[in-house]
Amino acid sequence: MARPYTCEQVWSLAATSSDVFTIDYTDLLSSGETLSAVSGTVTAGGISYTLGVTVPTGITAGAAAINSGSVTVNGVTIATSKAVQVRLSTNGATVGRRCSIVVAVSTSAGNVLPVEAVLEIIG
C-alpha cells in the first residue's frame, strides 16, 4: 500500500476506555469524489489493497463506517460520504504510549486512500 497520508490531529484516549473517532477525507478527494468502501479488498492500478482499520496490539477497532449524513467534528461540518468513523477501545494500554492507526478506504473515482492517525494513551 502507498505511504499513508497523515492526520494533523493527534487523538487521545484514556487507558481503559473507548470513543468514536472521525477521519475527514475531504481535502484528499477531488470535486464530486466520495468514499465508497472501508472494508473488503479492491484492485487499483493493478495492485490489490485490503481496506479497513489497522491497529496495534492493545487497541481494538469496531466496525468502521463512512458517514451517511453530514457530521460536525471540532466545529467543522463534513459532508456525506467524506469521512470515516470508527470506535477505538483500549484494554489497559500503557499511559503515554503513542501508536499508529491506519484507515484505508476506496473512492468513487477508484482511488485507495490510506490515512494514518496518531493515538496517544492518556491517564
Protein backbone atom coordinates (compact mmCIF):
# COMPACT_ATOMS: atom_id res chain seq x y z
CA MET A 1 0.00 0.00 0.00
CA ALA A 2 1.13 3.54 -0.65
CA ARG A 3 2.54 5.59 2.19
CA PRO A 4 -0.45 6.82 4.23
CA TYR A 5 -1.47 10.44 4.40
CA THR A 6 -1.05 11.73 7.95
CA CYS A 7 -3.80 13.30 10.04
CA GLU A 8 -2.82 16.64 11.50
CA GLN A 9 -4.59 15.97 14.78
CA VAL A 10 -3.29 13.60 17.47
CA TRP A 11 -6.15 11.65 19.01
CA SER A 12 -6.16 10.83 22.71
CA LEU A 13 -7.90 8.05 24.57
CA ALA A 14 -7.88 7.07 28.25
CA ALA A 15 -6.13 3.80 29.09
CA THR A 16 -9.36 1.90 29.82
CA SER A 17 -11.99 3.50 27.62
CA SER A 18 -13.45 3.74 24.13
CA ASP A 19 -14.57 6.56 21.87
CA VAL A 20 -15.61 7.22 18.28
CA PHE A 21 -13.00 8.92 16.11
CA THR A 22 -13.56 10.58 12.74
CA ILE A 23 -11.17 10.93 9.82
CA ASP A 24 -12.09 13.70 7.37
CA TYR A 25 -11.01 12.81 3.82
CA THR A 26 -12.44 15.99 2.22
CA ASP A 27 -9.06 17.52 1.36
CA LEU A 28 -7.89 14.28 -0.27
CA LEU A 29 -10.89 13.95 -2.59
CA SER A 30 -11.41 15.55 -5.98
CA SER A 31 -14.53 17.57 -6.70
CA GLY A 32 -17.52 15.18 -6.71
CA GLU A 33 -15.44 12.24 -5.44
CA THR A 34 -16.78 10.39 -2.39
CA LEU A 35 -15.73 7.49 -0.19
CA SER A 36 -17.18 4.20 -1.40
CA ALA A 37 -15.86 1.40 0.85
CA VAL A 38 -13.97 0.93 4.10
CA SER A 39 -13.86 -2.86 4.13
CA GLY A 40 -13.02 -5.61 1.71
CA THR A 41 -10.39 -5.86 -0.99
CA VAL A 42 -10.12 -3.67 -4.09
CA THR A 43 -7.75 -3.51 -7.04
CA ALA A 44 -6.45 -0.14 -8.17
CA GLY A 45 -3.73 0.30 -10.78
CA GLY A 46 -3.25 -3.47 -10.91
CA ILE A 47 -2.48 -3.67 -7.17
CA SER A 48 -4.75 -5.40 -4.65
CA TYR A 49 -5.48 -3.45 -1.44
CA THR A 50 -7.13 -4.53 1.79
CA LEU A 51 -9.40 -1.79 3.11
CA GLY A 52 -10.21 -1.17 6.76
CA VAL A 53 -8.67 -0.12 10.06
CA THR A 54 -5.25 -1.34 11.18
CA VAL A 55 -4.50 -1.01 14.89
CA PRO A 56 -1.62 -2.23 17.08
CA THR A 57 -1.85 -4.80 19.87
CA GLY A 58 -3.77 -3.44 22.87
CA ILE A 59 -6.15 -1.33 20.76
CA THR A 60 -9.45 -2.67 19.42
CA ALA A 61 -11.28 -1.14 16.46
CA GLY A 62 -15.01 -1.53 15.95
CA ALA A 63 -16.56 -1.65 12.51
CA ALA A 64 -15.59 1.45 10.55
CA ALA A 65 -18.32 3.29 8.65
CA ILE A 66 -18.48 6.00 6.02
CA ASN A 67 -20.64 8.88 7.24
CA SER A 68 -24.15 8.57 5.78
CA GLY A 69 -25.05 12.16 6.66
CA SER A 70 -23.13 15.31 7.44
CA VAL A 71 -21.17 15.20 10.70
CA THR A 72 -19.62 18.04 12.68
CA VAL A 73 -16.27 17.50 14.39
CA ASN A 74 -14.44 20.26 16.28
CA GLY A 75 -16.72 22.85 14.68
CA VAL A 76 -16.12 21.62 11.12
CA THR A 77 -19.04 20.12 9.20
CA ILE A 78 -18.04 17.22 6.96
CA ALA A 79 -20.30 16.38 4.02
CA THR A 80 -21.91 12.96 3.48
CA SER A 81 -19.50 10.22 2.30
CA LYS A 82 -16.38 12.29 3.01
CA ALA A 83 -15.40 10.84 6.42
CA VAL A 84 -14.92 7.54 8.23
CA GLN A 85 -15.94 6.97 11.82
CA VAL A 86 -14.60 4.15 13.98
CA ARG A 87 -14.84 3.27 17.67
CA LEU A 88 -11.45 2.58 19.23
CA SER A 89 -11.09 0.88 22.60
CA THR A 90 -8.12 0.30 24.87
CA ASN A 91 -7.65 -2.63 27.17
CA GLY A 92 -5.39 -1.18 29.84
CA ALA A 93 -2.89 0.18 27.31
CA THR A 94 0.19 1.89 28.75
CA VAL A 95 -0.33 5.56 29.58
CA GLY A 96 1.90 7.78 27.46
CA ARG A 97 2.04 5.27 24.60
CA ARG A 98 1.65 6.71 21.09
CA CYS A 99 0.59 4.38 18.32
CA SER A 100 -0.32 4.49 14.65
CA ILE A 101 -3.86 3.83 13.43
CA VAL A 102 -4.27 3.44 9.64
CA VAL A 103 -7.65 3.67 7.92
CA ALA A 104 -7.70 2.68 4.23
CA VAL A 105 -10.73 3.42 2.04
CA SER A 106 -11.65 3.31 -1.64
CA THR A 107 -13.34 6.14 -3.50
CA SER A 108 -15.92 6.63 -6.22
CA ALA A 109 -13.04 7.52 -8.59
CA GLY A 110 -11.32 4.18 -7.99
CA ASN A 111 -8.62 5.54 -5.69
CA VAL A 112 -7.38 3.94 -2.48
CA LEU A 113 -6.63 6.43 0.31
CA PRO A 114 -4.83 5.22 3.44
CA VAL A 115 -4.70 7.78 6.25
CA GLU A 116 -2.56 7.44 9.36
CA ALA A 117 -3.61 8.93 12.69
CA VAL A 118 -1.62 9.01 15.92
CA LEU A 119 -3.41 7.82 19.05
CA GLU A 120 -1.98 8.80 22.44
CA ILE A 121 -2.98 6.85 25.52
CA ILE A 122 -3.66 9.19 28.43
CA GLY A 123 -4.28 8.61 32.14
